[in-house]
Amino acid sequence: MIFDVTVLVFGTQAYTLFGVTNLTSNTEMEAIEPLHELAPPRALATKPNITHQPSHPLHAGVRLAMKSDTPFILKLIHQLAVFENLTHLFQATESSLSSTLFNSPPFTSFTIFLLEVSPTGITDPEASEFQPEGTGVIAGYVLFSPNYAPFLAKPGFYVEHLFVREPYRRQGLGKLLMKAVSSQAVRLGHGRVDWVVLDWNVDAIRFYERIGADVMQEYRLCRLTGDALLSYGTHP
C-alpha cells in the first residue's frame, strides 16, 4: 500500500501537532510568523512508492529547532559525522551547541529545521532517544545560515548540514527539508541556496540533480581551521 507523507510545515498545525507552542518572546514570534505565508501544507506533500502497513500511516512535519532540542541535535550531528567518516573532527558538545546556535532570531544567523515523524510502522531502534516529550520522533535535520551572492546582489542561504537518519532514508523525507529551506528563501526574496556534497555520495548527488540543483564540478572547497587558522590569523 502507498502511504502519505503529510507535510505540516511551520504553521499553527505543525506546532500544535508536535507540541511546540511555548514561544517565549515577541522577537521569536515575529521571526516565525512569516512562515505562515508559505504554500499550504498539502502543496509540499509527497507520496513515496513504498510498501507500508495501512494501520501505521507516516506523518512527517518540519519545524524550527529550539534550544531544548540541543541533546537531539548533538546526536544527529554525531550520526552525520559517522556517516561521512569524519568522527575524528567531531568536537561538539551540548554546551557548545546551545551557546552558539540560538543567539539570534531564525534566518538571521544559524537556523535548524527538524524533521519529525509520527507514528510509523518503520523499525527504529533509537526512536526513544530521538523523541522529545509530547512530540513525534526526530528523523533528520537541516542546518543553514545566511550568505550573499554578490553577482546577483541578493542574500541567500548556505546549507551546512542535511541529514536523515538511516531508518527513514529513501522515502522522500530529505526532499521535505530542502523544500523547507528553499521555500523560505523564495519567501524572503533570496537569490539562491548553496551547499556542498561529498564526491563519493552518489545517491545525494543524484538527488540534488533531480531537484534541479547545478552540481558545479569546477569549484573546490577551501577551508582554514585548527592550527592553520590560528597561525594565519595571528601572525603578521
Protein backbone atom coordinates (compact mmCIF):
# COMPACT_ATOMS: atom_id res chain seq x y z
CA MET A 1 0.00 0.00 0.00
CA ILE A 2 1.26 3.51 -0.79
CA PHE A 3 1.26 5.83 2.21
CA ASP A 4 1.16 9.59 2.53
CA VAL A 5 3.88 11.78 3.94
CA THR A 6 1.75 14.60 5.27
CA VAL A 7 3.81 17.76 5.45
CA LEU A 8 2.64 20.03 8.22
CA VAL A 9 5.23 22.72 7.67
CA PHE A 10 5.77 25.54 10.16
CA GLY A 11 2.31 26.90 10.75
CA THR A 12 -0.06 26.59 13.69
CA GLN A 13 -0.96 22.99 12.84
CA ALA A 14 2.67 21.90 12.89
CA TYR A 15 3.45 23.49 16.22
CA THR A 16 0.27 22.13 17.80
CA LEU A 17 0.85 18.61 16.42
CA PHE A 18 4.37 18.41 17.77
CA GLY A 19 3.79 20.37 20.96
CA VAL A 20 5.88 23.42 20.03
CA THR A 21 3.66 26.15 21.42
CA ASN A 22 5.94 27.73 24.02
CA LEU A 23 7.26 30.70 22.04
CA THR A 24 8.78 32.91 24.69
CA SER A 25 9.24 36.37 23.21
CA ASN A 26 7.90 38.86 20.69
CA THR A 27 11.18 38.53 18.79
CA GLU A 28 10.65 34.80 18.37
CA MET A 29 7.04 35.31 17.30
CA GLU A 30 7.95 37.98 14.76
CA ALA A 31 10.64 35.72 13.31
CA ILE A 32 8.30 32.76 12.97
CA GLU A 33 5.08 34.44 11.83
CA PRO A 34 6.22 34.99 8.20
CA LEU A 35 6.45 31.23 7.78
CA HIS A 36 2.67 31.06 7.82
CA GLU A 37 2.70 32.69 4.39
CA LEU A 38 4.32 29.65 2.77
CA ALA A 39 2.42 27.37 0.43
CA PRO A 40 -0.34 25.31 2.07
CA PRO A 41 0.96 22.13 3.75
CA ARG A 42 -0.53 19.72 1.22
CA ALA A 43 1.27 21.55 -1.59
CA LEU A 44 4.51 20.21 -0.16
CA ALA A 45 3.26 16.65 0.36
CA THR A 46 4.77 13.70 -1.44
CA LYS A 47 3.67 10.09 -1.92
CA PRO A 48 6.70 7.81 -2.00
CA ASN A 49 6.09 4.45 -3.64
CA ILE A 50 6.87 2.44 -0.52
CA THR A 51 5.07 -0.53 0.95
CA HIS A 52 3.78 0.36 4.39
CA GLN A 53 1.35 -1.13 6.88
CA PRO A 54 -2.00 0.61 6.41
CA SER A 55 -2.51 0.73 10.19
CA HIS A 56 0.64 2.87 10.60
CA PRO A 57 0.42 5.96 8.37
CA LEU A 58 3.57 8.07 8.27
CA HIS A 59 3.07 11.75 9.03
CA ALA A 60 6.11 13.99 8.70
CA GLY A 61 6.49 17.61 9.76
CA VAL A 62 9.25 20.19 9.64
CA ARG A 63 9.65 22.67 12.48
CA LEU A 64 12.14 25.15 13.84
CA ALA A 65 14.55 23.71 16.39
CA MET A 66 14.63 25.21 19.86
CA LYS A 67 17.32 25.33 22.50
CA SER A 68 15.67 22.44 24.32
CA ASP A 69 16.32 20.29 21.24
CA THR A 70 20.10 20.56 21.71
CA PRO A 71 20.61 16.97 23.01
CA PHE A 72 18.91 15.58 19.90
CA ILE A 73 20.80 17.94 17.59
CA LEU A 74 24.09 16.75 19.08
CA LYS A 75 23.17 13.12 18.38
CA LEU A 76 22.14 13.96 14.82
CA ILE A 77 25.38 15.79 14.12
CA HIS A 78 27.39 12.87 15.51
CA GLN A 79 25.47 10.42 13.32
CA LEU A 80 26.26 12.58 10.29
CA ALA A 81 29.94 12.56 11.26
CA VAL A 82 29.82 8.75 11.43
CA PHE A 83 28.10 8.55 8.04
CA GLU A 84 30.70 10.82 6.42
CA ASN A 85 33.67 9.11 8.17
CA LEU A 86 34.54 12.37 9.92
CA THR A 87 34.28 11.45 13.59
CA HIS A 88 37.95 12.44 14.02
CA LEU A 89 36.79 16.05 13.52
CA PHE A 90 33.85 15.83 15.92
CA GLN A 91 34.26 18.11 18.95
CA ALA A 92 30.75 19.44 19.56
CA THR A 93 29.10 19.19 22.97
CA GLU A 94 25.63 20.09 24.21
CA SER A 95 27.11 23.14 25.92
CA SER A 96 28.98 24.40 22.87
CA LEU A 97 25.96 23.90 20.61
CA SER A 98 23.42 25.54 22.92
CA SER A 99 25.69 28.55 23.46
CA THR A 100 26.26 29.19 19.74
CA LEU A 101 23.19 28.07 17.79
CA PHE A 102 20.39 30.02 19.43
CA ASN A 103 21.67 33.56 19.96
CA SER A 104 19.83 35.21 17.06
CA PRO A 105 16.32 35.11 15.56
CA PRO A 106 15.76 32.40 12.93
CA PHE A 107 17.07 33.13 9.42
CA THR A 108 19.34 35.97 10.58
CA SER A 109 22.06 33.54 11.66
CA PHE A 110 22.30 29.77 12.12
CA THR A 111 18.90 28.08 11.77
CA ILE A 112 17.93 24.43 12.17
CA PHE A 113 14.78 22.77 10.89
CA LEU A 114 13.95 19.41 12.47
CA LEU A 115 12.10 16.65 10.64
CA GLU A 116 9.65 14.78 12.86
CA VAL A 117 7.57 11.69 12.10
CA SER A 118 4.59 10.33 13.97
CA PRO A 119 3.71 7.39 14.32
CA THR A 120 5.06 4.82 11.88
CA GLY A 121 5.47 1.12 11.27
CA ILE A 122 9.14 1.70 10.45
CA THR A 123 11.59 -0.17 12.67
CA ASP A 124 13.63 2.45 14.50
CA PRO A 125 15.73 1.02 17.35
CA GLU A 126 16.66 4.54 18.51
CA ALA A 127 13.19 6.05 18.42
CA SER A 128 13.06 6.63 22.17
CA GLU A 129 16.38 8.50 22.04
CA PHE A 130 15.01 10.94 19.45
CA GLN A 131 11.60 11.71 20.87
CA PRO A 132 11.12 14.93 22.83
CA GLU A 133 8.30 14.70 25.36
CA GLY A 134 4.91 15.07 23.72
CA THR A 135 6.21 15.19 20.14
CA GLY A 136 6.98 12.93 17.20
CA VAL A 137 10.28 11.14 16.59
CA ILE A 138 13.06 13.31 15.19
CA ALA A 139 14.15 11.73 11.91
CA GLY A 140 16.53 14.33 10.49
CA TYR A 141 17.59 17.94 10.29
CA VAL A 142 18.93 20.70 8.09
CA LEU A 143 21.26 23.42 9.38
CA PHE A 144 21.66 26.57 7.30
CA SER A 145 22.69 30.21 7.59
CA PRO A 146 22.57 33.41 5.53
CA ASN A 147 25.13 34.13 2.82
CA TYR A 148 25.33 36.63 -0.01
CA ALA A 149 25.52 36.35 -3.79
CA PRO A 150 27.39 39.46 -5.00
CA PHE A 151 26.78 38.81 -8.71
CA LEU A 152 23.05 38.72 -8.02
CA ALA A 153 23.20 41.43 -5.34
CA LYS A 154 20.89 39.25 -3.27
CA PRO A 155 21.13 37.37 0.02
CA GLY A 156 20.83 33.61 0.07
CA PHE A 157 21.14 30.58 2.32
CA TYR A 158 24.07 28.21 2.74
CA VAL A 159 23.12 24.69 3.84
CA GLU A 160 25.82 23.34 6.13
CA HIS A 161 24.16 20.02 7.03
CA LEU A 162 21.33 17.96 5.58
CA PHE A 163 20.80 14.60 7.27
CA VAL A 164 18.07 11.96 7.56
CA ARG A 165 18.53 9.10 10.00
CA GLU A 166 19.05 5.67 8.42
CA PRO A 167 15.60 4.10 9.12
CA TYR A 168 13.87 6.97 7.31
CA ARG A 169 16.01 7.30 4.20
CA ARG A 170 14.85 6.74 0.61
CA GLN A 171 11.32 7.89 1.44
CA GLY A 172 11.41 11.46 0.15
CA LEU A 173 11.97 12.98 3.58
CA GLY A 174 15.26 14.69 2.70
CA LYS A 175 13.35 16.46 -0.04
CA LEU A 176 11.00 17.91 2.56
CA LEU A 177 13.91 19.50 4.41
CA MET A 178 15.36 21.00 1.23
CA LYS A 179 11.88 22.18 0.24
CA ALA A 180 11.51 23.93 3.60
CA VAL A 181 14.77 25.85 3.17
CA SER A 182 14.05 26.69 -0.47
CA SER A 183 10.52 27.86 0.29
CA GLN A 184 11.79 30.21 2.97
CA ALA A 185 14.47 31.52 0.59
CA VAL A 186 11.81 32.30 -2.02
CA ARG A 187 9.55 33.96 0.54
CA LEU A 188 12.40 36.24 1.64
CA GLY A 189 13.36 37.11 -1.91
CA HIS A 190 16.73 35.37 -1.73
CA GLY A 191 18.67 34.66 -4.89
CA ARG A 192 19.98 31.17 -4.28
CA VAL A 193 20.66 28.27 -1.91
CA ASP A 194 24.18 26.80 -1.81
CA TRP A 195 25.67 23.66 -0.32
CA VAL A 196 28.45 21.13 -0.93
CA VAL A 197 28.33 17.35 -1.31
CA LEU A 198 30.99 14.69 -0.86
CA ASP A 199 32.13 13.32 -4.22
CA TRP A 200 31.59 9.71 -3.14
CA ASN A 201 27.97 10.30 -2.08
CA VAL A 202 26.49 9.35 -5.45
CA ASP A 203 22.95 8.97 -4.10
CA ALA A 204 23.00 12.51 -2.72
CA ILE A 205 24.41 13.92 -5.96
CA ARG A 206 21.64 12.25 -7.96
CA PHE A 207 19.03 13.55 -5.53
CA TYR A 208 20.33 17.12 -5.86
CA GLU A 209 20.34 16.85 -9.64
CA ARG A 210 16.74 15.59 -9.58
CA ILE A 211 15.56 18.64 -7.66
CA GLY A 212 17.21 20.90 -10.22
CA ALA A 213 20.48 21.79 -8.49
CA ASP A 214 23.58 22.57 -10.53
CA VAL A 215 26.39 20.34 -9.20
CA MET A 216 29.36 22.57 -10.01
CA GLN A 217 32.41 20.38 -10.72
CA GLU A 218 34.73 23.34 -11.32
CA TYR A 219 34.65 24.57 -7.71
CA ARG A 220 36.83 23.27 -4.85
CA LEU A 221 36.04 23.73 -1.16
CA CYS A 222 38.77 25.64 0.69
CA ARG A 223 38.98 25.79 4.48
CA LEU A 224 41.17 27.29 7.19
CA THR A 225 40.65 25.61 10.55
CA GLY A 226 42.52 24.50 13.67
CA ASP A 227 46.23 25.29 13.85
CA ALA A 228 46.31 26.61 10.28
CA LEU A 229 43.63 29.19 11.10
CA LEU A 230 45.33 30.19 14.35
CA SER A 231 48.69 30.55 12.62
CA TYR A 232 47.43 32.57 9.68
CA GLY A 233 45.06 34.66 11.79
CA THR A 234 47.56 35.63 14.48
CA HIS A 235 50.88 36.04 12.71
CA PRO A 236 51.83 39.04 10.54
